[in-house]
Amino acid sequence: MRRKDPKNKKIVFYDTINRHTELKIRLQYDSISQANFFRAVVTGYIKKDPDILNFVDKIKASKKNGAPASKKQIKEGRALIKKGTDTTSRLGLGEIEIEDIFDILEQANPDL
């Protein structure tokens, strides 16, 4: 992935020195680069990977996330994801068609 490509966006957040150090140690132990790790997690989240979604549900239910989501809200969210997946499948929308839709939206709304 090229850094200077205007189609790429930089994702940045801050954390403590200790957590950063622990992350780097764990990533080195698992032989994963920081960039690959975060891209994989983001991809799993976007693609609705069940393992990532289970983890996200834990985050949503946690009190550390502000007001925790109820089990009902989490269940309703999962039902909406399933309905969306079923709809895209029923309409025959593959990854390429969905990307085309996003490209059209991006052209129509370049400020996004």
PDB file of N, CA and C in Angstrom:
ATOM      1  N   MET A   1       0.841  -1.171   0.000  1.00  0.00           N
ATOM      2  CA  MET A   1       0.000   0.000   0.000  1.00  0.00           C
ATOM      3  C   MET A   1       0.890   1.239   0.000  1.00  0.00           C
ATOM      4  N   ARG A   2       0.657   2.137  -0.897  1.00  0.00           N
ATOM      5  CA  ARG A   2       1.466   3.342  -0.999  1.00  0.00           C
ATOM      6  C   ARG A   2       0.920   4.439  -0.105  1.00  0.00           C
ATOM      7  N   ARG A   3       1.812   5.071   0.621  1.00  0.00           N
ATOM      8  CA  ARG A   3       1.414   6.117   1.563  1.00  0.00           C
ATOM      9  C   ARG A   3       0.924   7.371   0.865  1.00  0.00           C
ATOM     10  N   LYS A   4       1.557   7.764  -0.229  1.00  0.00           N
ATOM     11  CA  LYS A   4       1.267   9.043  -0.877  1.00  0.00           C
ATOM     12  C   LYS A   4       0.048   8.995  -1.793  1.00  0.00           C
ATOM     13  N   ASP A   5      -0.491   7.822  -2.041  1.00  0.00           N
ATOM     14  CA  ASP A   5      -1.651   7.685  -2.913  1.00  0.00           C
ATOM     15  C   ASP A   5      -2.825   8.445  -2.296  1.00  0.00           C
ATOM     16  N   PRO A   6      -3.417   9.394  -3.023  1.00  0.00           N
ATOM     17  CA  PRO A   6      -4.525  10.179  -2.454  1.00  0.00           C
ATOM     18  C   PRO A   6      -5.764   9.348  -2.136  1.00  0.00           C
ATOM     19  N   LYS A   7      -5.822   8.128  -2.628  1.00  0.00           N
ATOM     20  CA  LYS A   7      -6.959   7.266  -2.324  1.00  0.00           C
ATOM     21  C   LYS A   7      -6.798   6.568  -0.977  1.00  0.00           C
ATOM     22  N   ASN A   8      -5.601   6.633  -0.396  1.00  0.00           N
ATOM     23  CA  ASN A   8      -5.342   6.002   0.897  1.00  0.00           C
ATOM     24  C   ASN A   8      -5.522   7.015   2.014  1.00  0.00           C
ATOM     25  N   LYS A   9      -6.006   6.547   3.134  1.00  0.00           N
ATOM     26  CA  LYS A   9      -6.199   7.385   4.315  1.00  0.00           C
ATOM     27  C   LYS A   9      -5.377   6.830   5.458  1.00  0.00           C
ATOM     28  N   LYS A  10      -4.869   7.716   6.262  1.00  0.00           N
ATOM     29  CA  LYS A  10      -4.082   7.334   7.428  1.00  0.00           C
ATOM     30  C   LYS A  10      -5.019   7.252   8.629  1.00  0.00           C
ATOM     31  N   ILE A  11      -4.907   6.175   9.389  1.00  0.00           N
ATOM     32  CA  ILE A  11      -5.717   5.986  10.590  1.00  0.00           C
ATOM     33  C   ILE A  11      -4.776   6.116  11.782  1.00  0.00           C
ATOM     34  N   VAL A  12      -5.093   7.043  12.679  1.00  0.00           N
ATOM     35  CA  VAL A  12      -4.213   7.307  13.812  1.00  0.00           C
ATOM     36  C   VAL A  12      -5.034   7.387  15.088  1.00  0.00           C
ATOM     37  N   PHE A  13      -4.477   6.844  16.166  1.00  0.00           N
ATOM     38  CA  PHE A  13      -5.066   7.034  17.485  1.00  0.00           C
ATOM     39  C   PHE A  13      -3.946   6.979  18.508  1.00  0.00           C
ATOM     40  N   TYR A  14      -4.227   7.477  19.671  1.00  0.00           N
ATOM     41  CA  TYR A  14      -3.223   7.526  20.722  1.00  0.00           C
ATOM     42  C   TYR A  14      -3.541   6.521  21.817  1.00  0.00           C
ATOM     43  N   ASP A  15      -2.468   6.004  22.424  1.00  0.00           N
ATOM     44  CA  ASP A  15      -2.601   5.089  23.549  1.00  0.00           C
ATOM     45  C   ASP A  15      -1.381   5.279  24.441  1.00  0.00           C
ATOM     46  N   THR A  16      -1.345   4.570  25.537  1.00  0.00           N
ATOM     47  CA  THR A  16      -0.238   4.735  26.477  1.00  0.00           C
ATOM     48  C   THR A  16       1.031   4.077  25.944  1.00  0.00           C
ATOM     49  N   ILE A  17       2.153   4.505  26.469  1.00  0.00           N
ATOM     50  CA  ILE A  17       3.444   3.921  26.093  1.00  0.00           C
ATOM     51  C   ILE A  17       3.466   2.439  26.450  1.00  0.00           C
ATOM     52  N   ASN A  18       2.950   2.104  27.633  1.00  0.00           N
ATOM     53  CA  ASN A  18       2.950   0.695  28.062  1.00  0.00           C
ATOM     54  C   ASN A  18       2.147  -0.187  27.116  1.00  0.00           C
ATOM     55  N   ARG A  19       0.953   0.250  26.747  1.00  0.00           N
ATOM     56  CA  ARG A  19       0.119  -0.564  25.851  1.00  0.00           C
ATOM     57  C   ARG A  19       0.760  -0.678  24.471  1.00  0.00           C
ATOM     58  N   HIS A  20       1.391   0.402  24.002  1.00  0.00           N
ATOM     59  CA  HIS A  20       2.075   0.363  22.714  1.00  0.00           C
ATOM     60  C   HIS A  20       3.220  -0.645  22.756  1.00  0.00           C
ATOM     61  N   THR A  21       3.975  -0.623  23.832  1.00  0.00           N
ATOM     62  CA  THR A  21       5.087  -1.563  23.994  1.00  0.00           C
ATOM     63  C   THR A  21       4.575  -3.000  24.036  1.00  0.00           C
ATOM     64  N   GLU A  22       3.513  -3.239  24.806  1.00  0.00           N
ATOM     65  CA  GLU A  22       2.939  -4.583  24.885  1.00  0.00           C
ATOM     66  C   GLU A  22       2.444  -5.048  23.523  1.00  0.00           C
ATOM     67  N   LEU A  23       1.828  -4.136  22.783  1.00  0.00           N
ATOM     68  CA  LEU A  23       1.348  -4.480  21.439  1.00  0.00           C
ATOM     69  C   LEU A  23       2.513  -4.865  20.539  1.00  0.00           C
ATOM     70  N   LYS A  24       3.553  -4.059  20.533  1.00  0.00           N
ATOM     71  CA  LYS A  24       4.708  -4.342  19.683  1.00  0.00           C
ATOM     72  C   LYS A  24       5.344  -5.691  20.036  1.00  0.00           C
ATOM     73  N   ILE A  25       5.431  -5.995  21.333  1.00  0.00           N
ATOM     74  CA  ILE A  25       6.000  -7.273  21.768  1.00  0.00           C
ATOM     75  C   ILE A  25       5.140  -8.433  21.291  1.00  0.00           C
ATOM     76  N   ARG A  26       3.817  -8.326  21.468  1.00  0.00           N
ATOM     77  CA  ARG A  26       2.912  -9.401  21.039  1.00  0.00           C
ATOM     78  C   ARG A  26       2.967  -9.586  19.519  1.00  0.00           C
ATOM     79  N   LEU A  27       2.991  -8.469  18.782  1.00  0.00           N
ATOM     80  CA  LEU A  27       3.048  -8.562  17.322  1.00  0.00           C
ATOM     81  C   LEU A  27       4.359  -9.192  16.870  1.00  0.00           C
ATOM     82  N   GLN A  28       5.449  -8.831  17.522  1.00  0.00           N
ATOM     83  CA  GLN A  28       6.739  -9.428  17.178  1.00  0.00           C
ATOM     84  C   GLN A  28       6.717 -10.928  17.480  1.00  0.00           C
ATOM     85  N   TYR A  29       6.145 -11.303  18.607  1.00  0.00           N
ATOM     86  CA  TYR A  29       6.029 -12.709  18.983  1.00  0.00           C
ATOM     87  C   TYR A  29       5.255 -13.493  17.919  1.00  0.00           C
ATOM     88  N   ASP A  30       4.189 -12.880  17.401  1.00  0.00           N
ATOM     89  CA  ASP A  30       3.346 -13.540  16.397  1.00  0.00           C
ATOM     90  C   ASP A  30       3.817 -13.293  14.966  1.00  0.00           C
ATOM     91  N   SER A  31       4.933 -12.575  14.809  1.00  0.00           N
ATOM     92  CA  SER A  31       5.500 -12.266  13.482  1.00  0.00           C
ATOM     93  C   SER A  31       4.498 -11.565  12.574  1.00  0.00           C
ATOM     94  N   ILE A  32       3.831 -10.569  13.139  1.00  0.00           N
ATOM     95  CA  ILE A  32       2.848  -9.782  12.384  1.00  0.00           C
ATOM     96  C   ILE A  32       3.263  -8.317  12.489  1.00  0.00           C
ATOM     97  N   SER A  33       3.262  -7.611  11.352  1.00  0.00           N
ATOM     98  CA  SER A  33       3.563  -6.183  11.410  1.00  0.00           C
ATOM     99  C   SER A  33       2.345  -5.443  11.974  1.00  0.00           C
ATOM    100  N   GLN A  34       2.606  -4.288  12.527  1.00  0.00           N
ATOM    101  CA  GLN A  34       1.523  -3.477  13.089  1.00  0.00           C
ATOM    102  C   GLN A  34       0.511  -3.117  11.998  1.00  0.00           C
ATOM    103  N   ALA A  35       1.012  -2.732  10.828  1.00  0.00           N
ATOM    104  CA  ALA A  35       0.119  -2.364   9.721  1.00  0.00           C
ATOM    105  C   ALA A  35      -0.744  -3.545   9.293  1.00  0.00           C
ATOM    106  N   ASN A  36      -0.122  -4.722   9.155  1.00  0.00           N
ATOM    107  CA  ASN A  36      -0.896  -5.903   8.743  1.00  0.00           C
ATOM    108  C   ASN A  36      -1.941  -6.272   9.794  1.00  0.00           C
ATOM    109  N   PHE A  37      -1.573  -6.155  11.060  1.00  0.00           N
ATOM    110  CA  PHE A  37      -2.517  -6.466  12.133  1.00  0.00           C
ATOM    111  C   PHE A  37      -3.754  -5.568  12.048  1.00  0.00           C
ATOM    112  N   PHE A  38      -3.521  -4.254  11.988  1.00  0.00           N
ATOM    113  CA  PHE A  38      -4.668  -3.343  11.977  1.00  0.00           C
ATOM    114  C   PHE A  38      -5.482  -3.461  10.693  1.00  0.00           C
ATOM    115  N   ARG A  39      -4.803  -3.671   9.553  1.00  0.00           N
ATOM    116  CA  ARG A  39      -5.562  -3.867   8.308  1.00  0.00           C
ATOM    117  C   ARG A  39      -6.427  -5.123   8.388  1.00  0.00           C
ATOM    118  N   ALA A  40      -5.882  -6.194   8.976  1.00  0.00           N
ATOM    119  CA  ALA A  40      -6.648  -7.445   9.090  1.00  0.00           C
ATOM    120  C   ALA A  40      -7.854  -7.263  10.007  1.00  0.00           C
ATOM    121  N   VAL A  41      -7.663  -6.565  11.123  1.00  0.00           N
ATOM    122  CA  VAL A  41      -8.781  -6.337  12.038  1.00  0.00           C
ATOM    123  C   VAL A  41      -9.848  -5.475  11.363  1.00  0.00           C
ATOM    124  N   VAL A  42      -9.431  -4.419  10.683  1.00  0.00           N
ATOM    125  CA  VAL A  42     -10.384  -3.545   9.991  1.00  0.00           C
ATOM    126  C   VAL A  42     -11.114  -4.326   8.904  1.00  0.00           C
ATOM    127  N   THR A  43     -10.384  -5.136   8.144  1.00  0.00           N
ATOM    128  CA  THR A  43     -11.010  -5.948   7.098  1.00  0.00           C
ATOM    129  C   THR A  43     -12.027  -6.913   7.703  1.00  0.00           C
ATOM    130  N   GLY A  44     -11.650  -7.570   8.784  1.00  0.00           N
ATOM    131  CA  GLY A  44     -12.580  -8.487   9.449  1.00  0.00           C
ATOM    132  C   GLY A  44     -13.830  -7.781   9.921  1.00  0.00           C
ATOM    133  N   TYR A  45     -13.673  -6.578  10.434  1.00  0.00           N
ATOM    134  CA  TYR A  45     -14.825  -5.787  10.905  1.00  0.00           C
ATOM    135  C   TYR A  45     -15.715  -5.389   9.731  1.00  0.00           C
ATOM    136  N   ILE A  46     -15.091  -4.883   8.673  1.00  0.00           N
ATOM    137  CA  ILE A  46     -15.858  -4.456   7.495  1.00  0.00           C
ATOM    138  C   ILE A  46     -16.563  -5.643   6.845  1.00  0.00           C
ATOM    139  N   LYS A  47     -15.868  -6.774   6.751  1.00  0.00           N
ATOM    140  CA  LYS A  47     -16.425  -7.964   6.092  1.00  0.00           C
ATOM    141  C   LYS A  47     -17.341  -8.768   7.014  1.00  0.00           C
ATOM    142  N   LYS A  48     -17.527  -8.260   8.228  1.00  0.00           N
ATOM    143  CA  LYS A  48     -18.422  -8.893   9.215  1.00  0.00           C
ATOM    144  C   LYS A  48     -17.967 -10.302   9.578  1.00  0.00           C
ATOM    145  N   ASP A  49     -16.664 -10.466   9.780  1.00  0.00           N
ATOM    146  CA  ASP A  49     -16.122 -11.745  10.223  1.00  0.00           C
ATOM    147  C   ASP A  49     -16.753 -12.104  11.565  1.00  0.00           C
ATOM    148  N   PRO A  50     -17.333 -13.295  11.697  1.00  0.00           N
ATOM    149  CA  PRO A  50     -18.025 -13.664  12.938  1.00  0.00           C
ATOM    150  C   PRO A  50     -17.146 -13.559  14.192  1.00  0.00           C
ATOM    151  N   ASP A  51     -15.865 -13.894  14.075  1.00  0.00           N
ATOM    152  CA  ASP A  51     -14.982 -13.798  15.238  1.00  0.00           C
ATOM    153  C   ASP A  51     -14.800 -12.351  15.672  1.00  0.00           C
ATOM    154  N   ILE A  52     -14.614 -11.469  14.708  1.00  0.00           N
ATOM    155  CA  ILE A  52     -14.462 -10.049  15.030  1.00  0.00           C
ATOM    156  C   ILE A  52     -15.774  -9.499  15.576  1.00  0.00           C
ATOM    157  N   LEU A  53     -16.894  -9.896  14.985  1.00  0.00           N
ATOM    158  CA  LEU A  53     -18.189  -9.404  15.461  1.00  0.00           C
ATOM    159  C   LEU A  53     -18.479  -9.869  16.890  1.00  0.00           C
ATOM    160  N   ASN A  54     -18.058 -11.085  17.230  1.00  0.00           N
ATOM    161  CA  ASN A  54     -18.209 -11.545  18.616  1.00  0.00           C
ATOM    162  C   ASN A  54     -17.420 -10.654  19.558  1.00  0.00           C
ATOM    163  N   PHE A  55     -16.210 -10.293  19.155  1.00  0.00           N
ATOM    164  CA  PHE A  55     -15.394  -9.406  19.969  1.00  0.00           C
ATOM    165  C   PHE A  55     -16.038  -8.021  20.063  1.00  0.00           C
ATOM    166  N   VAL A  56     -16.554  -7.516  18.962  1.00  0.00           N
ATOM    167  CA  VAL A  56     -17.224  -6.207  18.959  1.00  0.00           C
ATOM    168  C   VAL A  56     -18.444  -6.241  19.874  1.00  0.00           C
ATOM    169  N   ASP A  57     -19.168  -7.344  19.876  1.00  0.00           N
ATOM    170  CA  ASP A  57     -20.316  -7.476  20.784  1.00  0.00           C
ATOM    171  C   ASP A  57     -19.866  -7.385  22.241  1.00  0.00           C
ATOM    172  N   LYS A  58     -18.709  -7.968  22.550  1.00  0.00           N
ATOM    173  CA  LYS A  58     -18.167  -7.853  23.913  1.00  0.00           C
ATOM    174  C   LYS A  58     -17.863  -6.397  24.246  1.00  0.00           C
ATOM    175  N   ILE A  59     -17.299  -5.679  23.278  1.00  0.00           N
ATOM    176  CA  ILE A  59     -16.998  -4.259  23.490  1.00  0.00           C
ATOM    177  C   ILE A  59     -18.286  -3.482  23.720  1.00  0.00           C
ATOM    178  N   LYS A  60     -19.286  -3.760  22.890  1.00  0.00           N
ATOM    179  CA  LYS A  60     -20.569  -3.047  23.004  1.00  0.00           C
ATOM    180  C   LYS A  60     -21.250  -3.317  24.337  1.00  0.00           C
ATOM    181  N   ALA A  61     -21.094  -4.520  24.862  1.00  0.00           N
ATOM    182  CA  ALA A  61     -21.735  -4.888  26.124  1.00  0.00           C
ATOM    183  C   ALA A  61     -20.938  -4.402  27.335  1.00  0.00           C
ATOM    184  N   SER A  62     -19.705  -3.977  27.098  1.00  0.00           N
ATOM    185  CA  SER A  62     -18.821  -3.561  28.189  1.00  0.00           C
ATOM    186  C   SER A  62     -19.196  -2.185  28.719  1.00  0.00           C
ATOM    187  N   LYS A  63     -19.046  -2.010  30.017  1.00  0.00           N
ATOM    188  CA  LYS A  63     -19.291  -0.700  30.624  1.00  0.00           C
ATOM    189  C   LYS A  63     -18.189   0.284  30.268  1.00  0.00           C
ATOM    190  N   LYS A  64     -17.039  -0.207  29.793  1.00  0.00           N
ATOM    191  CA  LYS A  64     -15.934   0.662  29.400  1.00  0.00           C
ATOM    192  C   LYS A  64     -16.269   1.447  28.139  1.00  0.00           C
ATOM    193  N   ASN A  65     -17.271   1.031  27.433  1.00  0.00           N
ATOM    194  CA  ASN A  65     -17.664   1.656  26.176  1.00  0.00           C
ATOM    195  C   ASN A  65     -18.765   2.690  26.403  1.00  0.00           C
ATOM    196  N   GLY A  66     -18.774   3.354  27.555  1.00  0.00           N
ATOM    197  CA  GLY A  66     -19.852   4.291  27.855  1.00  0.00           C
ATOM    198  C   GLY A  66     -21.066   3.517  28.303  1.00  0.00           C
ATOM    199  N   ALA A  67     -22.210   3.853  27.764  1.00  0.00           N
ATOM    200  CA  ALA A  67     -23.438   3.135  28.096  1.00  0.00           C
ATOM    201  C   ALA A  67     -23.423   1.796  27.361  1.00  0.00           C
ATOM    202  N   PRO A  68     -23.408   0.686  28.095  1.00  0.00           N
ATOM    203  CA  PRO A  68     -23.332  -0.616  27.414  1.00  0.00           C
ATOM    204  C   PRO A  68     -24.608  -0.924  26.632  1.00  0.00           C
ATOM    205  N   ALA A  69     -24.416  -1.627  25.524  1.00  0.00           N
ATOM    206  CA  ALA A  69     -25.565  -2.071  24.731  1.00  0.00           C
ATOM    207  C   ALA A  69     -26.216  -3.249  25.442  1.00  0.00           C
ATOM    208  N   SER A  70     -27.519  -3.313  25.342  1.00  0.00           N
ATOM    209  CA  SER A  70     -28.233  -4.433  25.947  1.00  0.00           C
ATOM    210  C   SER A  70     -28.108  -5.658  25.052  1.00  0.00           C
ATOM    211  N   LYS A  71     -28.387  -6.816  25.613  1.00  0.00           N
ATOM    212  CA  LYS A  71     -28.359  -8.049  24.814  1.00  0.00           C
ATOM    213  C   LYS A  71     -29.351  -7.945  23.664  1.00  0.00           C
ATOM    214  N   LYS A  72     -30.466  -7.274  23.917  1.00  0.00           N
ATOM    215  CA  LYS A  72     -31.488  -7.102  22.876  1.00  0.00           C
ATOM    216  C   LYS A  72     -30.929  -6.255  21.720  1.00  0.00           C
ATOM    217  N   GLN A  73     -30.237  -5.165  22.054  1.00  0.00           N
ATOM    218  CA  GLN A  73     -29.661  -4.315  21.012  1.00  0.00           C
ATOM    219  C   GLN A  73     -28.613  -5.070  20.201  1.00  0.00           C
ATOM    220  N   ILE A  74     -27.793  -5.847  20.889  1.00  0.00           N
ATOM    221  CA  ILE A  74     -26.766  -6.623  20.199  1.00  0.00           C
ATOM    222  C   ILE A  74     -27.415  -7.657  19.286  1.00  0.00           C
ATOM    223  N   LYS A  75     -28.449  -8.324  19.779  1.00  0.00           N
ATOM    224  CA  LYS A  75     -29.158  -9.325  18.981  1.00  0.00           C
ATOM    225  C   LYS A  75     -29.817  -8.677  17.759  1.00  0.00           C
ATOM    226  N   GLU A  76     -30.418  -7.500  17.957  1.00  0.00           N
ATOM    227  CA  GLU A  76     -31.051  -6.794  16.838  1.00  0.00           C
ATOM    228  C   GLU A  76     -30.009  -6.379  15.801  1.00  0.00           C
ATOM    229  N   GLY A  77     -28.847  -5.940  16.271  1.00  0.00           N
ATOM    230  CA  GLY A  77     -27.769  -5.570  15.353  1.00  0.00           C
ATOM    231  C   GLY A  77     -27.313  -6.752  14.522  1.00  0.00           C
ATOM    232  N   ARG A  78     -27.161  -7.896  15.178  1.00  0.00           N
ATOM    233  CA  ARG A  78     -26.770  -9.115  14.464  1.00  0.00           C
ATOM    234  C   ARG A  78     -27.830  -9.513  13.435  1.00  0.00           C
ATOM    235  N   ALA A  79     -29.104  -9.351  13.805  1.00  0.00           N
ATOM    236  CA  ALA A  79     -30.195  -9.691  12.879  1.00  0.00           C
ATOM    237  C   ALA A  79     -30.142  -8.785  11.650  1.00  0.00           C
ATOM    238  N   LEU A  80     -29.826  -7.497  11.848  1.00  0.00           N
ATOM    239  CA  LEU A  80     -29.710  -6.575  10.714  1.00  0.00           C
ATOM    240  C   LEU A  80     -28.546  -6.962   9.804  1.00  0.00           C
ATOM    241  N   ILE A  81     -27.435  -7.374  10.397  1.00  0.00           N
ATOM    242  CA  ILE A  81     -26.289  -7.806   9.600  1.00  0.00           C
ATOM    243  C   ILE A  81     -26.655  -9.034   8.777  1.00  0.00           C
ATOM    244  N   LYS A  82     -27.337  -9.983   9.396  1.00  0.00           N
ATOM    245  CA  LYS A  82     -27.758 -11.194   8.679  1.00  0.00           C
ATOM    246  C   LYS A  82     -28.719 -10.842   7.551  1.00  0.00           C
ATOM    247  N   LYS A  83     -29.649  -9.933   7.825  1.00  0.00           N
ATOM    248  CA  LYS A  83     -30.608  -9.513   6.804  1.00  0.00           C
ATOM    249  C   LYS A  83     -29.881  -8.847   5.630  1.00  0.00           C
ATOM    250  N   GLY A  84     -28.877  -8.017   5.924  1.00  0.00           N
ATOM    251  CA  GLY A  84     -28.095  -7.374   4.872  1.00  0.00           C
ATOM    252  C   GLY A  84     -27.326  -8.383   4.039  1.00  0.00           C
ATOM    253  N   THR A  85     -26.735  -9.365   4.709  1.00  0.00           N
ATOM    254  CA  THR A  85     -25.992 -10.419   4.011  1.00  0.00           C
ATOM    255  C   THR A  85     -26.929 -11.225   3.119  1.00  0.00           C
ATOM    256  N   ASP A  86     -28.109 -11.565   3.652  1.00  0.00           N
ATOM    257  CA  ASP A  86     -29.095 -12.312   2.860  1.00  0.00           C
ATOM    258  C   ASP A  86     -29.558 -11.509   1.656  1.00  0.00           C
ATOM    259  N   THR A  87     -29.752 -10.201   1.844  1.00  0.00           N
ATOM    260  CA  THR A  87     -30.224  -9.340   0.756  1.00  0.00           C
ATOM    261  C   THR A  87     -29.163  -9.237  -0.342  1.00  0.00           C
ATOM    262  N   THR A  88     -27.906  -9.006   0.040  1.00  0.00           N
ATOM    263  CA  THR A  88     -26.862  -8.909  -0.980  1.00  0.00           C
ATOM    264  C   THR A  88     -26.718 -10.234  -1.731  1.00  0.00           C
ATOM    265  N   SER A  89     -26.880 -11.334  -1.031  1.00  0.00           N
ATOM    266  CA  SER A  89     -26.802 -12.639  -1.667  1.00  0.00           C
ATOM    267  C   SER A  89     -27.979 -12.835  -2.621  1.00  0.00           C
ATOM    268  N   ARG A  90     -29.173 -12.490  -2.154  1.00  0.00           N
ATOM    269  CA  ARG A  90     -30.385 -12.653  -2.965  1.00  0.00           C
ATOM    270  C   ARG A  90     -30.329 -11.788  -4.229  1.00  0.00           C
ATOM    271  N   LEU A  91     -29.751 -10.575  -4.113  1.00  0.00           N
ATOM    272  CA  LEU A  91     -29.658  -9.675  -5.255  1.00  0.00           C
ATOM    273  C   LEU A  91     -28.450  -9.977  -6.143  1.00  0.00           C
ATOM    274  N   GLY A  92     -27.638 -10.935  -5.716  1.00  0.00           N
ATOM    275  CA  GLY A  92     -26.469 -11.305  -6.500  1.00  0.00           C
ATOM    276  C   GLY A  92     -25.380 -10.244  -6.474  1.00  0.00           C
ATOM    277  N   LEU A  93     -25.314  -9.485  -5.389  1.00  0.00           N
ATOM    278  CA  LEU A  93     -24.292  -8.456  -5.272  1.00  0.00           C
ATOM    279  C   LEU A  93     -23.032  -9.060  -4.665  1.00  0.00           C
ATOM    280  N   GLY A  94     -22.010  -9.124  -5.488  1.00  0.00           N
ATOM    281  CA  GLY A  94     -20.726  -9.599  -5.002  1.00  0.00           C
ATOM    282  C   GLY A  94     -19.866  -8.432  -4.559  1.00  0.00           C
ATOM    283  N   GLU A  95     -18.655  -8.742  -4.186  1.00  0.00           N
ATOM    284  CA  GLU A  95     -17.733  -7.707  -3.700  1.00  0.00           C
ATOM    285  C   GLU A  95     -17.479  -6.635  -4.766  1.00  0.00           C
ATOM    286  N   ILE A  96     -17.356  -7.053  -6.008  1.00  0.00           N
ATOM    287  CA  ILE A  96     -17.071  -6.109  -7.098  1.00  0.00           C
ATOM    288  C   ILE A  96     -18.242  -5.159  -7.306  1.00  0.00           C
ATOM    289  N   GLU A  97     -19.458  -5.688  -7.299  1.00  0.00           N
ATOM    290  CA  GLU A  97     -20.636  -4.835  -7.485  1.00  0.00           C
ATOM    291  C   GLU A  97     -20.783  -3.841  -6.326  1.00  0.00           C
ATOM    292  N   ILE A  98     -20.502  -4.309  -5.132  1.00  0.00           N
ATOM    293  CA  ILE A  98     -20.603  -3.420  -3.965  1.00  0.00           C
ATOM    294  C   ILE A  98     -19.540  -2.336  -4.046  1.00  0.00           C
ATOM    295  N   GLU A  99     -18.320  -2.688  -4.464  1.00  0.00           N
ATOM    296  CA  GLU A  99     -17.264  -1.685  -4.649  1.00  0.00           C
ATOM    297  C   GLU A  99     -17.670  -0.676  -5.710  1.00  0.00           C
ATOM    298  N   ASP A 100     -18.306  -1.144  -6.793  1.00  0.00           N
ATOM    299  CA  ASP A 100     -18.776  -0.238  -7.848  1.00  0.00           C
ATOM    300  C   ASP A 100     -19.787   0.760  -7.284  1.00  0.00           C
ATOM    301  N   ILE A 101     -20.671   0.287  -6.429  1.00  0.00           N
ATOM    302  CA  ILE A 101     -21.665   1.175  -5.814  1.00  0.00           C
ATOM    303  C   ILE A 101     -20.958   2.236  -4.979  1.00  0.00           C
ATOM    304  N   PHE A 102     -19.966   1.823  -4.188  1.00  0.00           N
ATOM    305  CA  PHE A 102     -19.225   2.788  -3.378  1.00  0.00           C
ATOM    306  C   PHE A 102     -18.450   3.767  -4.252  1.00  0.00           C
ATOM    307  N   ASP A 103     -17.910   3.304  -5.380  1.00  0.00           N
ATOM    308  CA  ASP A 103     -17.206   4.201  -6.300  1.00  0.00           C
ATOM    309  C   ASP A 103     -18.153   5.256  -6.855  1.00  0.00           C
ATOM    310  N   ILE A 104     -19.367   4.845  -7.210  1.00  0.00           N
ATOM    311  CA  ILE A 104     -20.367   5.778  -7.723  1.00  0.00           C
ATOM    312  C   ILE A 104     -20.722   6.808  -6.653  1.00  0.00           C
ATOM    313  N   LEU A 105     -20.915   6.326  -5.422  1.00  0.00           N
ATOM    314  CA  LEU A 105     -21.233   7.238  -4.314  1.00  0.00           C
ATOM    315  C   LEU A 105     -20.080   8.216  -4.066  1.00  0.00           C
ATOM    316  N   GLU A 106     -18.844   7.722  -4.168  1.00  0.00           N
ATOM    317  CA  GLU A 106     -17.677   8.581  -3.944  1.00  0.00           C
ATOM    318  C   GLU A 106     -17.576   9.654  -5.034  1.00  0.00           C
ATOM    319  N   GLN A 107     -17.868   9.280  -6.266  1.00  0.00           N
ATOM    320  CA  GLN A 107     -17.836  10.260  -7.363  1.00  0.00           C
ATOM    321  C   GLN A 107     -18.918  11.310  -7.193  1.00  0.00           C
ATOM    322  N   ALA A 108     -20.077  10.882  -6.725  1.00  0.00           N
ATOM    323  CA  ALA A 108     -21.184  11.822  -6.518  1.00  0.00           C
ATOM    324  C   ALA A 108     -20.972  12.702  -5.288  1.00  0.00           C
ATOM    325  N   ASN A 109     -20.189  12.228  -4.322  1.00  0.00           N
ATOM    326  CA  ASN A 109     -19.944  12.959  -3.083  1.00  0.00           C
ATOM    327  C   ASN A 109     -18.447  12.976  -2.781  1.00  0.00           C
ATOM    328  N   PRO A 110     -17.651  13.748  -3.523  1.00  0.00           N
ATOM    329  CA  PRO A 110     -16.196  13.710  -3.351  1.00  0.00           C
ATOM    330  C   PRO A 110     -15.723  14.237  -1.981  1.00  0.00           C
ATOM    331  N   ASP A 111     -16.570  14.929  -1.258  1.00  0.00           N
ATOM    332  CA  ASP A 111     -16.176  15.480   0.047  1.00  0.00           C
ATOM    333  C   ASP A 111     -16.203  14.458   1.156  1.00  0.00           C
ATOM    334  N   LEU A 112     -16.730  13.257   0.889  1.00  0.00           N
ATOM    335  CA  LEU A 112     -16.806  12.235   1.929  1.00  0.00           C
ATOM    336  C   LEU A 112     -15.471  11.649   2.251  1.00  0.00           C
TER     337      LEU A 112
END
